[in-house]
Amino acid sequence: MANPSADSARDFSDYRIWMWVWCAAATVATAVAFGVLFPYQTVDRTTGEPLEPGYGWPAFMGGLVIGAIACIPVMIGVHTLFRIQHNTALAADRLRVREPRD
């Protein structure tokens, strides 16, 4: 097998990859929870009696939208915290006293 080129290689230690994975998982989890919490109730057209409630697919779609919108402030916060951590580490590295090498 050929080795992947530098352009296509993924750095899995990069926090942005995991932030997007978390956002996708949280969005789907929110949608599934909405579908369970808000079942779709149908009515029999001949008798007018309610049928067995089914999975709430309309609520699932609403949960996808709400979950995606809810991820935005979290992603901004995580990105800001990692940038602060990175800048603090750079400043600390510049201030560190280095011993001369012989």
N, C-alpha and C. Protein backbone atom coordinates (compact mmCIF):
# COMPACT_ATOMS: atom_id res chain seq x y z
N MET A 1 0.84 -1.18 0.00
CA MET A 1 0.00 0.00 0.00
C MET A 1 0.88 1.24 0.00
N ALA A 2 0.41 2.22 -0.68
CA ALA A 2 1.15 3.47 -0.75
C ALA A 2 0.92 4.28 0.53
N ASN A 3 1.94 5.00 0.90
CA ASN A 3 1.80 5.88 2.05
C ASN A 3 0.99 7.11 1.66
N PRO A 4 0.15 7.61 2.57
CA PRO A 4 -0.62 8.81 2.23
C PRO A 4 0.31 10.01 2.10
N SER A 5 -0.03 10.89 1.20
CA SER A 5 0.79 12.08 1.03
C SER A 5 0.58 13.03 2.20
N ALA A 6 1.44 14.00 2.30
CA ALA A 6 1.33 14.97 3.40
C ALA A 6 0.05 15.78 3.29
N ASP A 7 -0.47 15.93 2.08
CA ASP A 7 -1.70 16.70 1.91
C ASP A 7 -2.93 15.96 2.41
N SER A 8 -2.91 14.63 2.32
CA SER A 8 -4.09 13.86 2.71
C SER A 8 -3.99 13.26 4.10
N ALA A 9 -2.84 13.38 4.76
CA ALA A 9 -2.67 12.81 6.09
C ALA A 9 -3.49 13.60 7.11
N ARG A 10 -4.06 12.90 8.07
CA ARG A 10 -4.86 13.53 9.11
C ARG A 10 -4.07 13.55 10.42
N ASP A 11 -4.17 14.65 11.11
CA ASP A 11 -3.54 14.78 12.42
C ASP A 11 -4.63 14.60 13.47
N PHE A 12 -4.73 13.40 14.04
CA PHE A 12 -5.81 13.12 14.99
C PHE A 12 -5.56 13.71 16.37
N SER A 13 -4.42 14.34 16.57
CA SER A 13 -4.21 15.05 17.82
C SER A 13 -4.74 16.48 17.74
N ASP A 14 -5.17 16.89 16.57
CA ASP A 14 -5.72 18.23 16.39
C ASP A 14 -7.11 18.28 17.02
N TYR A 15 -7.34 19.23 17.89
CA TYR A 15 -8.60 19.30 18.62
C TYR A 15 -9.79 19.61 17.71
N ARG A 16 -9.54 20.23 16.57
CA ARG A 16 -10.66 20.61 15.70
C ARG A 16 -11.37 19.39 15.12
N ILE A 17 -10.63 18.34 14.83
CA ILE A 17 -11.27 17.11 14.33
C ILE A 17 -12.21 16.56 15.38
N TRP A 18 -11.76 16.48 16.62
CA TRP A 18 -12.60 15.91 17.68
C TRP A 18 -13.75 16.83 18.03
N MET A 19 -13.56 18.14 17.86
CA MET A 19 -14.65 19.08 18.11
C MET A 19 -15.78 18.85 17.10
N TRP A 20 -15.44 18.62 15.83
CA TRP A 20 -16.46 18.36 14.82
C TRP A 20 -17.12 17.00 15.04
N VAL A 21 -16.34 16.00 15.43
CA VAL A 21 -16.92 14.68 15.73
C VAL A 21 -17.90 14.79 16.89
N TRP A 22 -17.50 15.51 17.94
CA TRP A 22 -18.39 15.70 19.08
C TRP A 22 -19.65 16.44 18.66
N CYS A 23 -19.51 17.46 17.84
CA CYS A 23 -20.67 18.25 17.41
C CYS A 23 -21.64 17.38 16.62
N ALA A 24 -21.14 16.55 15.73
CA ALA A 24 -22.01 15.66 14.95
C ALA A 24 -22.72 14.66 15.86
N ALA A 25 -21.98 14.08 16.81
CA ALA A 25 -22.59 13.11 17.73
C ALA A 25 -23.63 13.78 18.63
N ALA A 26 -23.34 14.97 19.12
CA ALA A 26 -24.30 15.67 19.97
C ALA A 26 -25.55 16.08 19.20
N THR A 27 -25.39 16.44 17.94
CA THR A 27 -26.53 16.82 17.11
C THR A 27 -27.44 15.62 16.88
N VAL A 28 -26.86 14.48 16.54
CA VAL A 28 -27.67 13.27 16.31
C VAL A 28 -28.32 12.81 17.61
N ALA A 29 -27.60 12.88 18.73
CA ALA A 29 -28.18 12.48 20.01
C ALA A 29 -29.36 13.38 20.39
N THR A 30 -29.24 14.67 20.14
CA THR A 30 -30.35 15.59 20.40
C THR A 30 -31.55 15.25 19.53
N ALA A 31 -31.31 14.94 18.27
CA ALA A 31 -32.40 14.60 17.36
C ALA A 31 -33.10 13.31 17.78
N VAL A 32 -32.33 12.30 18.17
CA VAL A 32 -32.93 11.04 18.62
C VAL A 32 -33.76 11.26 19.88
N ALA A 33 -33.24 12.05 20.80
CA ALA A 33 -33.98 12.33 22.03
C ALA A 33 -35.29 13.07 21.73
N PHE A 34 -35.26 14.02 20.82
CA PHE A 34 -36.49 14.74 20.46
C PHE A 34 -37.49 13.78 19.82
N GLY A 35 -37.02 12.87 18.98
CA GLY A 35 -37.92 11.91 18.34
C GLY A 35 -38.59 10.99 19.33
N VAL A 36 -37.88 10.63 20.39
CA VAL A 36 -38.45 9.76 21.42
C VAL A 36 -39.39 10.55 22.33
N LEU A 37 -39.00 11.75 22.70
CA LEU A 37 -39.81 12.54 23.64
C LEU A 37 -41.09 13.08 23.03
N PHE A 38 -41.08 13.32 21.73
CA PHE A 38 -42.26 13.87 21.06
C PHE A 38 -42.73 12.92 19.97
N PRO A 39 -43.45 11.85 20.35
CA PRO A 39 -43.88 10.86 19.36
C PRO A 39 -44.91 11.45 18.40
N TYR A 40 -44.95 10.86 17.22
CA TYR A 40 -45.88 11.31 16.19
C TYR A 40 -47.20 10.58 16.39
N GLN A 41 -48.23 11.32 16.73
CA GLN A 41 -49.55 10.73 16.99
C GLN A 41 -50.41 10.85 15.74
N THR A 42 -50.91 9.72 15.26
CA THR A 42 -51.79 9.74 14.09
C THR A 42 -53.19 9.31 14.51
N VAL A 43 -54.16 9.65 13.69
CA VAL A 43 -55.56 9.33 13.96
C VAL A 43 -56.08 8.47 12.81
N ASP A 44 -56.83 7.43 13.17
CA ASP A 44 -57.47 6.59 12.16
C ASP A 44 -58.55 7.42 11.47
N ARG A 45 -58.48 7.51 10.15
CA ARG A 45 -59.42 8.37 9.43
C ARG A 45 -60.83 7.80 9.36
N THR A 46 -60.97 6.51 9.54
CA THR A 46 -62.32 5.94 9.47
C THR A 46 -63.05 6.03 10.80
N THR A 47 -62.35 5.76 11.89
CA THR A 47 -63.01 5.77 13.20
C THR A 47 -62.74 7.04 13.99
N GLY A 48 -61.67 7.75 13.67
CA GLY A 48 -61.33 8.96 14.41
C GLY A 48 -60.60 8.70 15.70
N GLU A 49 -60.27 7.43 15.97
CA GLU A 49 -59.56 7.08 17.21
C GLU A 49 -58.05 7.24 17.00
N PRO A 50 -57.34 7.65 18.06
CA PRO A 50 -55.88 7.78 17.91
C PRO A 50 -55.23 6.40 17.77
N LEU A 51 -54.25 6.33 16.92
CA LEU A 51 -53.49 5.10 16.72
C LEU A 51 -52.31 5.06 17.68
N GLU A 52 -51.63 3.94 17.66
CA GLU A 52 -50.42 3.78 18.49
C GLU A 52 -49.42 4.86 18.09
N PRO A 53 -48.88 5.61 19.06
CA PRO A 53 -47.92 6.65 18.68
C PRO A 53 -46.65 6.04 18.10
N GLY A 54 -46.16 6.63 17.04
CA GLY A 54 -44.93 6.18 16.40
C GLY A 54 -43.77 7.10 16.73
N TYR A 55 -42.64 6.76 16.16
CA TYR A 55 -41.45 7.59 16.39
C TYR A 55 -41.67 8.97 15.78
N GLY A 56 -41.27 9.99 16.48
CA GLY A 56 -41.51 11.36 16.04
C GLY A 56 -40.48 11.86 15.04
N TRP A 57 -40.63 11.48 13.77
CA TRP A 57 -39.69 11.92 12.75
C TRP A 57 -39.71 13.43 12.54
N PRO A 58 -40.87 14.09 12.60
CA PRO A 58 -40.82 15.56 12.51
C PRO A 58 -40.03 16.18 13.67
N ALA A 59 -40.19 15.61 14.87
CA ALA A 59 -39.41 16.11 16.01
C ALA A 59 -37.93 15.79 15.85
N PHE A 60 -37.62 14.65 15.21
CA PHE A 60 -36.24 14.30 14.93
C PHE A 60 -35.58 15.37 14.07
N MET A 61 -36.28 15.80 13.02
CA MET A 61 -35.73 16.84 12.14
C MET A 61 -35.56 18.16 12.89
N GLY A 62 -36.52 18.49 13.73
CA GLY A 62 -36.38 19.70 14.55
C GLY A 62 -35.22 19.58 15.52
N GLY A 63 -35.02 18.37 16.07
CA GLY A 63 -33.89 18.13 16.96
C GLY A 63 -32.55 18.27 16.27
N LEU A 64 -32.50 17.89 14.98
CA LEU A 64 -31.25 18.09 14.23
C LEU A 64 -30.91 19.57 14.13
N VAL A 65 -31.90 20.37 13.83
CA VAL A 65 -31.66 21.81 13.70
C VAL A 65 -31.27 22.41 15.05
N ILE A 66 -32.02 22.08 16.09
CA ILE A 66 -31.74 22.62 17.43
C ILE A 66 -30.37 22.15 17.92
N GLY A 67 -30.05 20.87 17.70
CA GLY A 67 -28.75 20.35 18.12
C GLY A 67 -27.59 21.02 17.40
N ALA A 68 -27.76 21.28 16.10
CA ALA A 68 -26.69 21.94 15.34
C ALA A 68 -26.50 23.38 15.81
N ILE A 69 -27.59 24.07 16.06
CA ILE A 69 -27.49 25.46 16.54
C ILE A 69 -26.88 25.49 17.94
N ALA A 70 -27.21 24.52 18.78
CA ALA A 70 -26.67 24.48 20.14
C ALA A 70 -25.18 24.19 20.16
N CYS A 71 -24.65 23.56 19.12
CA CYS A 71 -23.21 23.25 19.06
C CYS A 71 -22.36 24.48 18.79
N ILE A 72 -22.94 25.49 18.18
CA ILE A 72 -22.15 26.65 17.76
C ILE A 72 -21.46 27.34 18.95
N PRO A 73 -22.18 27.70 20.04
CA PRO A 73 -21.47 28.35 21.15
C PRO A 73 -20.45 27.44 21.82
N VAL A 74 -20.73 26.14 21.86
CA VAL A 74 -19.77 25.21 22.46
C VAL A 74 -18.50 25.15 21.63
N MET A 75 -18.65 25.09 20.32
CA MET A 75 -17.47 25.05 19.45
C MET A 75 -16.66 26.34 19.55
N ILE A 76 -17.33 27.46 19.63
CA ILE A 76 -16.62 28.74 19.79
C ILE A 76 -15.87 28.76 21.12
N GLY A 77 -16.51 28.28 22.18
CA GLY A 77 -15.87 28.25 23.50
C GLY A 77 -14.66 27.33 23.53
N VAL A 78 -14.79 26.13 22.94
CA VAL A 78 -13.67 25.19 22.91
C VAL A 78 -12.52 25.76 22.10
N HIS A 79 -12.83 26.34 20.96
CA HIS A 79 -11.78 26.93 20.12
C HIS A 79 -11.07 28.06 20.87
N THR A 80 -11.83 28.90 21.56
CA THR A 80 -11.25 30.01 22.31
C THR A 80 -10.35 29.50 23.44
N LEU A 81 -10.81 28.48 24.16
CA LEU A 81 -10.00 27.93 25.25
C LEU A 81 -8.70 27.32 24.75
N PHE A 82 -8.76 26.60 23.63
CA PHE A 82 -7.53 26.02 23.09
C PHE A 82 -6.58 27.08 22.56
N ARG A 83 -7.10 28.16 22.00
CA ARG A 83 -6.23 29.24 21.55
C ARG A 83 -5.57 29.94 22.75
N ILE A 84 -6.33 30.13 23.83
CA ILE A 84 -5.75 30.71 25.05
C ILE A 84 -4.66 29.80 25.59
N GLN A 85 -4.94 28.50 25.63
CA GLN A 85 -3.94 27.55 26.12
C GLN A 85 -2.69 27.58 25.23
N HIS A 86 -2.88 27.62 23.94
CA HIS A 86 -1.75 27.65 23.01
C HIS A 86 -0.93 28.93 23.19
N ASN A 87 -1.59 30.06 23.28
CA ASN A 87 -0.87 31.33 23.44
C ASN A 87 -0.17 31.41 24.78
N THR A 88 -0.78 30.87 25.83
CA THR A 88 -0.14 30.85 27.15
C THR A 88 1.10 29.96 27.12
N ALA A 89 1.02 28.84 26.44
CA ALA A 89 2.17 27.94 26.35
C ALA A 89 3.30 28.60 25.57
N LEU A 90 2.98 29.33 24.52
CA LEU A 90 4.02 30.03 23.76
C LEU A 90 4.68 31.11 24.61
N ALA A 91 3.88 31.85 25.37
CA ALA A 91 4.44 32.90 26.22
C ALA A 91 5.32 32.30 27.31
N ALA A 92 4.89 31.18 27.90
CA ALA A 92 5.69 30.54 28.94
C ALA A 92 6.99 30.00 28.36
N ASP A 93 6.94 29.50 27.13
CA ASP A 93 8.15 28.99 26.51
C ASP A 93 9.15 30.11 26.24
N ARG A 94 8.67 31.27 25.89
CA ARG A 94 9.56 32.41 25.63
C ARG A 94 10.19 32.94 26.92
N LEU A 95 9.48 32.83 28.03
CA LEU A 95 9.97 33.35 29.30
C LEU A 95 10.90 32.39 30.03
N ARG A 96 10.92 31.14 29.61
CA ARG A 96 11.73 30.14 30.30
C ARG A 96 13.21 30.44 30.11
N VAL A 97 13.95 30.33 31.20
CA VAL A 97 15.39 30.57 31.16
C VAL A 97 16.07 29.30 30.66
N ARG A 98 16.84 29.45 29.64
CA ARG A 98 17.51 28.30 29.06
C ARG A 98 18.96 28.27 29.55
N GLU A 99 19.39 27.09 29.90
CA GLU A 99 20.77 26.93 30.33
C GLU A 99 21.66 26.80 29.09
N PRO A 100 22.81 27.41 29.15
CA PRO A 100 23.70 27.32 27.98
C PRO A 100 24.22 25.90 27.80
N ARG A 101 24.37 25.52 26.56
CA ARG A 101 24.91 24.19 26.25
C ARG A 101 26.42 24.29 26.09
N ASP A 102 27.09 23.27 26.52
CA ASP A 102 28.56 23.25 26.40
C ASP A 102 28.98 22.64 25.09
